Amino acid sequence: MPPKRKAATTDEEDNDNYRQKRDRNNEAVKRSRVKSKQRTQETQEKVNELRIKNKVLEDKISNQEKELKFLKELFVTQAQAKSDKLVGVDIATLLKSSDEDGDSDSEEEKRAKKKKKKDQKAGSSSSRKAGTSSRS
């Protein structure tokens, strides 16, 4: 079969077809530009939103780092205070087993025991003066 030939068209019909194609193309371009602007605007809004979120998270990190530093300093202070209380105490005495003879007390332990007895006597004598007895 031989190829079909286009029917002869007039210049006016060609112009109409051309004009219709151009109009459709112009509308398509307008829609494309509107969509592109909308996508750009949405992307910019998302960027701004993420920047704000990032700033909030950075502030949170900063606050937690400050809190961690404070807690570390507090811990060190407490540990130092406890170690200061132990200054002058013989570690070997602290670690001595309970089944050893009690006569081998260090001078510090003897002083502590005397003070404890003295405090107990003072406490019991004041309760007797108040009219109460520790005996039942």
N, C-alpha and C. Protein backbone atom coordinates (compact mmCIF):
# COMPACT_ATOMS: atom_id res chain seq x y z
N MET A 1 0.83 -1.17 0.00
CA MET A 1 0.00 0.00 0.00
C MET A 1 0.88 1.24 0.00
N PRO A 2 0.54 2.17 -0.80
CA PRO A 2 1.34 3.39 -0.83
C PRO A 2 1.04 4.24 0.40
N PRO A 3 2.01 5.04 0.84
CA PRO A 3 1.79 5.89 2.03
C PRO A 3 0.68 6.89 1.77
N LYS A 4 -0.03 7.17 2.87
CA LYS A 4 -1.13 8.12 2.76
C LYS A 4 -0.56 9.51 2.72
N ARG A 5 -1.18 10.30 1.92
CA ARG A 5 -0.76 11.68 1.83
C ARG A 5 -1.70 12.54 2.62
N LYS A 6 -1.13 13.59 3.17
CA LYS A 6 -1.97 14.54 3.88
C LYS A 6 -2.80 15.29 2.87
N ALA A 7 -3.97 15.58 3.37
CA ALA A 7 -4.83 16.38 2.50
C ALA A 7 -4.26 17.77 2.44
N ALA A 8 -4.42 18.37 1.39
CA ALA A 8 -3.93 19.73 1.22
C ALA A 8 -4.65 20.63 2.21
N THR A 9 -3.85 21.39 2.96
CA THR A 9 -4.46 22.29 3.93
C THR A 9 -4.15 23.71 3.52
N THR A 10 -4.99 24.53 4.00
CA THR A 10 -4.79 25.94 3.67
C THR A 10 -3.89 26.58 4.70
N ASP A 11 -3.36 27.71 4.38
CA ASP A 11 -2.50 28.44 5.31
C ASP A 11 -3.26 28.81 6.58
N GLU A 12 -4.53 29.10 6.42
CA GLU A 12 -5.34 29.49 7.57
C GLU A 12 -5.49 28.32 8.55
N GLU A 13 -5.70 27.10 8.04
CA GLU A 13 -5.82 25.92 8.89
C GLU A 13 -4.49 25.63 9.58
N ASP A 14 -3.40 25.80 8.84
CA ASP A 14 -2.08 25.58 9.43
C ASP A 14 -1.84 26.56 10.57
N ASN A 15 -2.22 27.79 10.35
CA ASN A 15 -2.07 28.81 11.39
C ASN A 15 -2.92 28.48 12.61
N ASP A 16 -4.13 28.00 12.39
CA ASP A 16 -5.01 27.63 13.51
C ASP A 16 -4.40 26.48 14.32
N ASN A 17 -3.93 25.46 13.59
CA ASN A 17 -3.31 24.32 14.28
C ASN A 17 -2.07 24.77 15.06
N TYR A 18 -1.26 25.58 14.43
CA TYR A 18 -0.06 26.08 15.08
C TYR A 18 -0.42 26.88 16.33
N ARG A 19 -1.40 27.75 16.19
CA ARG A 19 -1.83 28.59 17.30
C ARG A 19 -2.36 27.73 18.46
N GLN A 20 -3.12 26.68 18.15
CA GLN A 20 -3.64 25.79 19.20
C GLN A 20 -2.50 25.07 19.92
N LYS A 21 -1.54 24.58 19.15
CA LYS A 21 -0.39 23.91 19.76
C LYS A 21 0.40 24.87 20.66
N ARG A 22 0.60 26.09 20.15
CA ARG A 22 1.33 27.09 20.94
C ARG A 22 0.58 27.42 22.23
N ASP A 23 -0.73 27.57 22.13
CA ASP A 23 -1.53 27.89 23.32
C ASP A 23 -1.46 26.76 24.35
N ARG A 24 -1.58 25.51 23.86
CA ARG A 24 -1.49 24.37 24.78
C ARG A 24 -0.10 24.31 25.42
N ASN A 25 0.92 24.57 24.63
CA ASN A 25 2.28 24.56 25.15
C ASN A 25 2.48 25.66 26.20
N ASN A 26 1.95 26.84 25.90
CA ASN A 26 2.06 27.95 26.85
C ASN A 26 1.38 27.61 28.18
N GLU A 27 0.23 26.98 28.12
CA GLU A 27 -0.49 26.57 29.34
C GLU A 27 0.33 25.53 30.11
N ALA A 28 0.91 24.59 29.38
CA ALA A 28 1.73 23.56 30.02
C ALA A 28 2.94 24.19 30.71
N VAL A 29 3.55 25.16 30.05
CA VAL A 29 4.71 25.84 30.64
C VAL A 29 4.29 26.58 31.90
N LYS A 30 3.14 27.25 31.86
CA LYS A 30 2.65 27.97 33.05
C LYS A 30 2.43 27.00 34.21
N ARG A 31 1.78 25.86 33.92
CA ARG A 31 1.55 24.87 34.98
C ARG A 31 2.87 24.35 35.54
N SER A 32 3.83 24.11 34.65
CA SER A 32 5.13 23.61 35.08
C SER A 32 5.84 24.63 35.98
N ARG A 33 5.77 25.90 35.61
CA ARG A 33 6.41 26.94 36.41
C ARG A 33 5.75 27.08 37.78
N VAL A 34 4.42 26.98 37.80
CA VAL A 34 3.70 27.07 39.08
C VAL A 34 4.11 25.91 39.99
N LYS A 35 4.16 24.70 39.42
CA LYS A 35 4.56 23.53 40.21
C LYS A 35 5.99 23.68 40.71
N SER A 36 6.87 24.20 39.86
CA SER A 36 8.26 24.38 40.24
C SER A 36 8.38 25.38 41.39
N LYS A 37 7.64 26.50 41.30
CA LYS A 37 7.66 27.49 42.37
C LYS A 37 7.12 26.89 43.66
N GLN A 38 6.06 26.10 43.55
CA GLN A 38 5.47 25.48 44.72
C GLN A 38 6.46 24.51 45.38
N ARG A 39 7.14 23.70 44.57
CA ARG A 39 8.13 22.77 45.11
C ARG A 39 9.28 23.53 45.79
N THR A 40 9.71 24.62 45.15
CA THR A 40 10.79 25.42 45.72
C THR A 40 10.36 26.01 47.06
N GLN A 41 9.14 26.52 47.12
CA GLN A 41 8.63 27.11 48.35
C GLN A 41 8.52 26.04 49.45
N GLU A 42 8.01 24.86 49.11
CA GLU A 42 7.89 23.78 50.09
C GLU A 42 9.26 23.35 50.60
N THR A 43 10.22 23.29 49.69
CA THR A 43 11.58 22.92 50.08
C THR A 43 12.17 23.96 51.03
N GLN A 44 11.95 25.23 50.72
CA GLN A 44 12.47 26.30 51.58
C GLN A 44 11.82 26.25 52.96
N GLU A 45 10.52 25.99 53.01
CA GLU A 45 9.83 25.87 54.29
C GLU A 45 10.40 24.70 55.10
N LYS A 46 10.66 23.59 54.42
CA LYS A 46 11.22 22.41 55.08
C LYS A 46 12.62 22.73 55.62
N VAL A 47 13.42 23.45 54.83
CA VAL A 47 14.76 23.84 55.27
C VAL A 47 14.67 24.70 56.53
N ASN A 48 13.78 25.68 56.52
CA ASN A 48 13.61 26.55 57.69
C ASN A 48 13.17 25.75 58.92
N GLU A 49 12.24 24.83 58.70
CA GLU A 49 11.74 23.99 59.79
C GLU A 49 12.87 23.14 60.37
N LEU A 50 13.69 22.56 59.50
CA LEU A 50 14.79 21.72 59.96
C LEU A 50 15.87 22.55 60.66
N ARG A 51 16.08 23.78 60.22
CA ARG A 51 17.05 24.65 60.89
C ARG A 51 16.60 24.93 62.33
N ILE A 52 15.31 25.21 62.48
CA ILE A 52 14.77 25.48 63.81
C ILE A 52 14.91 24.23 64.69
N LYS A 53 14.56 23.08 64.13
CA LYS A 53 14.66 21.82 64.87
C LYS A 53 16.12 21.55 65.26
N ASN A 54 17.03 21.81 64.35
CA ASN A 54 18.46 21.62 64.61
C ASN A 54 18.93 22.53 65.74
N LYS A 55 18.48 23.78 65.73
CA LYS A 55 18.86 24.73 66.78
C LYS A 55 18.36 24.25 68.14
N VAL A 56 17.13 23.75 68.18
CA VAL A 56 16.57 23.23 69.44
C VAL A 56 17.41 22.06 69.94
N LEU A 57 17.79 21.17 69.04
CA LEU A 57 18.60 20.01 69.43
C LEU A 57 20.00 20.43 69.90
N GLU A 58 20.58 21.42 69.22
CA GLU A 58 21.90 21.91 69.64
C GLU A 58 21.82 22.53 71.04
N ASP A 59 20.74 23.28 71.30
CA ASP A 59 20.55 23.86 72.64
C ASP A 59 20.40 22.76 73.69
N LYS A 60 19.67 21.72 73.33
CA LYS A 60 19.47 20.60 74.25
C LYS A 60 20.81 19.92 74.56
N ILE A 61 21.62 19.73 73.53
CA ILE A 61 22.95 19.13 73.72
C ILE A 61 23.79 20.01 74.65
N SER A 62 23.75 21.30 74.40
CA SER A 62 24.52 22.23 75.22
C SER A 62 24.09 22.15 76.68
N ASN A 63 22.78 22.13 76.92
CA ASN A 63 22.28 22.05 78.29
C ASN A 63 22.68 20.74 78.95
N GLN A 64 22.63 19.66 78.21
CA GLN A 64 23.00 18.37 78.78
C GLN A 64 24.50 18.30 79.06
N GLU A 65 25.31 18.94 78.22
CA GLU A 65 26.75 18.99 78.48
C GLU A 65 27.03 19.79 79.76
N LYS A 66 26.30 20.90 79.95
CA LYS A 66 26.47 21.69 81.17
C LYS A 66 26.06 20.87 82.39
N GLU A 67 24.94 20.16 82.27
CA GLU A 67 24.47 19.33 83.38
C GLU A 67 25.48 18.23 83.70
N LEU A 68 26.03 17.60 82.67
CA LEU A 68 27.02 16.55 82.87
C LEU A 68 28.26 17.12 83.58
N LYS A 69 28.69 18.29 83.16
CA LYS A 69 29.86 18.92 83.79
C LYS A 69 29.57 19.20 85.26
N PHE A 70 28.37 19.72 85.55
CA PHE A 70 27.99 20.02 86.93
C PHE A 70 27.98 18.74 87.77
N LEU A 71 27.38 17.68 87.23
CA LEU A 71 27.28 16.42 87.98
C LEU A 71 28.66 15.81 88.21
N LYS A 72 29.54 15.93 87.22
CA LYS A 72 30.91 15.42 87.40
C LYS A 72 31.61 16.19 88.53
N GLU A 73 31.45 17.51 88.53
CA GLU A 73 32.07 18.32 89.58
C GLU A 73 31.49 17.96 90.94
N LEU A 74 30.18 17.75 91.00
CA LEU A 74 29.54 17.37 92.24
C LEU A 74 30.07 16.02 92.73
N PHE A 75 30.20 15.09 91.81
CA PHE A 75 30.72 13.77 92.16
C PHE A 75 32.14 13.88 92.70
N VAL A 76 32.97 14.64 92.01
CA VAL A 76 34.36 14.80 92.45
C VAL A 76 34.40 15.45 93.82
N THR A 77 33.56 16.44 94.05
CA THR A 77 33.51 17.11 95.35
C THR A 77 33.12 16.13 96.44
N GLN A 78 32.10 15.33 96.19
CA GLN A 78 31.65 14.35 97.18
C GLN A 78 32.75 13.30 97.43
N ALA A 79 33.36 12.84 96.38
CA ALA A 79 34.43 11.84 96.53
C ALA A 79 35.59 12.43 97.32
N GLN A 80 35.90 13.68 97.06
CA GLN A 80 36.99 14.34 97.77
C GLN A 80 36.64 14.49 99.25
N ALA A 81 35.39 14.85 99.54
CA ALA A 81 34.97 15.01 100.93
C ALA A 81 35.06 13.68 101.68
N LYS A 82 34.66 12.60 101.04
CA LYS A 82 34.73 11.29 101.68
C LYS A 82 36.19 10.87 101.88
N SER A 83 37.03 11.15 100.91
CA SER A 83 38.43 10.76 101.06
C SER A 83 39.11 11.62 102.13
N ASP A 84 38.67 12.87 102.30
CA ASP A 84 39.23 13.72 103.36
C ASP A 84 38.91 13.15 104.73
N LYS A 85 37.75 12.54 104.89
CA LYS A 85 37.38 11.94 106.17
C LYS A 85 38.27 10.75 106.49
N LEU A 86 38.77 10.10 105.48
CA LEU A 86 39.59 8.91 105.68
C LEU A 86 41.07 9.23 105.84
N VAL A 87 41.45 10.50 105.72
CA VAL A 87 42.85 10.87 105.86
C VAL A 87 43.29 10.56 107.29
N GLY A 88 44.41 9.92 107.45
CA GLY A 88 44.93 9.58 108.77
C GLY A 88 44.42 8.24 109.28
N VAL A 89 43.49 7.63 108.60
CA VAL A 89 42.98 6.33 109.02
C VAL A 89 43.84 5.27 108.36
N ASP A 90 44.26 4.33 109.13
CA ASP A 90 45.10 3.26 108.61
C ASP A 90 44.24 2.30 107.80
N ILE A 91 44.53 2.17 106.53
CA ILE A 91 43.75 1.31 105.64
C ILE A 91 43.81 -0.14 106.12
N ALA A 92 44.98 -0.55 106.59
CA ALA A 92 45.13 -1.93 107.07
C ALA A 92 44.18 -2.18 108.24
N THR A 93 44.00 -1.17 109.08
CA THR A 93 43.08 -1.31 110.21
C THR A 93 41.66 -1.47 109.72
N LEU A 94 41.31 -0.70 108.69
CA LEU A 94 39.96 -0.79 108.15
C LEU A 94 39.69 -2.15 107.53
N LEU A 95 40.72 -2.75 106.97
CA LEU A 95 40.56 -4.01 106.28
C LEU A 95 40.80 -5.23 107.17
N LYS A 96 41.17 -4.99 108.43
CA LYS A 96 41.49 -6.08 109.35
C LYS A 96 40.27 -6.99 109.53
N SER A 97 40.50 -8.28 109.56
CA SER A 97 39.37 -9.21 109.70
C SER A 97 38.83 -9.16 111.12
N SER A 98 37.59 -9.50 111.28
CA SER A 98 36.92 -9.40 112.58
C SER A 98 37.33 -10.51 113.54
N ASP A 99 37.96 -11.57 113.09
CA ASP A 99 38.31 -12.66 113.99
C ASP A 99 39.68 -12.47 114.63
N GLU A 100 40.35 -11.33 114.37
CA GLU A 100 41.60 -11.04 115.06
C GLU A 100 41.29 -10.56 116.46
N ASP A 101 42.28 -10.62 117.32
CA ASP A 101 42.10 -10.21 118.71
C ASP A 101 41.81 -8.72 118.78
N GLY A 102 40.90 -8.33 119.65
CA GLY A 102 40.49 -6.94 119.79
C GLY A 102 41.50 -6.10 120.51
N ASP A 103 42.52 -6.67 121.13
CA ASP A 103 43.50 -5.90 121.88
C ASP A 103 44.49 -5.19 120.97
N SER A 104 44.49 -5.50 119.73
CA SER A 104 45.46 -4.90 118.81
C SER A 104 44.89 -3.65 118.15
N ASP A 105 43.99 -2.94 118.86
CA ASP A 105 43.39 -1.72 118.32
C ASP A 105 44.45 -0.64 118.16
N SER A 106 44.28 0.15 117.13
CA SER A 106 45.19 1.28 116.93
C SER A 106 44.81 2.38 117.91
N GLU A 107 45.67 3.35 118.04
CA GLU A 107 45.41 4.47 118.94
C GLU A 107 44.13 5.20 118.54
N GLU A 108 43.91 5.33 117.26
CA GLU A 108 42.71 6.02 116.79
C GLU A 108 41.45 5.26 117.17
N GLU A 109 41.51 3.94 117.05
CA GLU A 109 40.35 3.13 117.42
C GLU A 109 40.09 3.21 118.91
N LYS A 110 41.16 3.20 119.70
CA LYS A 110 41.00 3.32 121.16
C LYS A 110 40.36 4.65 121.52
N ARG A 111 40.83 5.73 120.88
CA ARG A 111 40.23 7.04 121.14
C ARG A 111 38.77 7.07 120.75
N ALA A 112 38.44 6.46 119.61
CA ALA A 112 37.06 6.44 119.14
C ALA A 112 36.18 5.66 120.11
N LYS A 113 36.69 4.52 120.64
CA LYS A 113 35.91 3.73 121.60
C LYS A 113 35.69 4.50 122.90
N LYS A 114 36.75 5.18 123.37
CA LYS A 114 36.62 5.97 124.61
C LYS A 114 35.58 7.07 124.43
N LYS A 115 35.63 7.72 123.29
CA LYS A 115 34.67 8.80 123.03
C LYS A 115 33.25 8.25 122.98
N LYS A 116 33.08 7.10 122.37
CA LYS A 116 31.76 6.48 122.26
C LYS A 116 31.23 6.14 123.65
N LYS A 117 32.08 5.56 124.52
CA LYS A 117 31.67 5.22 125.88
C LYS A 117 31.31 6.48 126.65
N LYS A 118 32.12 7.52 126.48
CA LYS A 118 31.86 8.78 127.17
C LYS A 118 30.53 9.37 126.73
N ASP A 119 30.26 9.33 125.43
CA ASP A 119 28.99 9.85 124.91
C ASP A 119 27.81 9.03 125.43
N GLN A 120 27.99 7.72 125.53
CA GLN A 120 26.92 6.86 126.05
C GLN A 120 26.65 7.16 127.52
N LYS A 121 27.70 7.35 128.29
CA LYS A 121 27.54 7.67 129.71
C LYS A 121 26.85 9.01 129.87
N ALA A 122 27.24 9.98 129.07
CA ALA A 122 26.62 11.30 129.15
C ALA A 122 25.15 11.23 128.78
N GLY A 123 24.83 10.43 127.80
CA GLY A 123 23.44 10.27 127.37
C GLY A 123 22.61 9.57 128.42
N SER A 124 23.15 8.56 129.09
CA SER A 124 22.38 7.82 130.09
C SER A 124 22.23 8.63 131.37
N SER A 125 23.22 9.42 131.73
CA SER A 125 23.11 10.23 132.94
C SER A 125 22.10 11.36 132.74
N SER A 126 22.02 11.90 131.55
CA SER A 126 21.03 12.96 131.32
C SER A 126 19.63 12.39 131.32
N SER A 127 19.46 11.14 130.87
CA SER A 127 18.13 10.55 130.88
C SER A 127 17.71 10.20 132.30
N ARG A 128 18.67 9.86 133.18
CA ARG A 128 18.35 9.58 134.59
C ARG A 128 17.93 10.86 135.29
N LYS A 129 18.61 11.95 134.97
CA LYS A 129 18.26 13.23 135.57
C LYS A 129 16.86 13.64 135.19
N ALA A 130 16.44 13.26 134.02
CA ALA A 130 15.10 13.62 133.55
C ALA A 130 14.05 12.72 134.19
N GLY A 131 14.46 11.71 134.95
CA GLY A 131 13.52 10.86 135.65
C GLY A 131 13.20 9.58 134.93
N THR A 132 13.88 9.29 133.88
CA THR A 132 13.64 8.04 133.17
C THR A 132 14.83 7.14 133.40
N SER A 133 14.57 5.88 133.40
CA SER A 133 15.64 4.91 133.60
C SER A 133 15.77 4.05 132.37
N SER A 134 16.99 3.66 132.07
CA SER A 134 17.19 2.81 130.92
C SER A 134 16.86 1.36 131.25
N ARG A 135 16.72 1.04 132.56
CA ARG A 135 16.38 -0.33 132.96
C ARG A 135 14.87 -0.48 133.00
N SER A 136 14.39 -1.66 132.70
CA SER A 136 12.95 -1.90 132.71
C SER A 136 12.53 -2.59 133.97
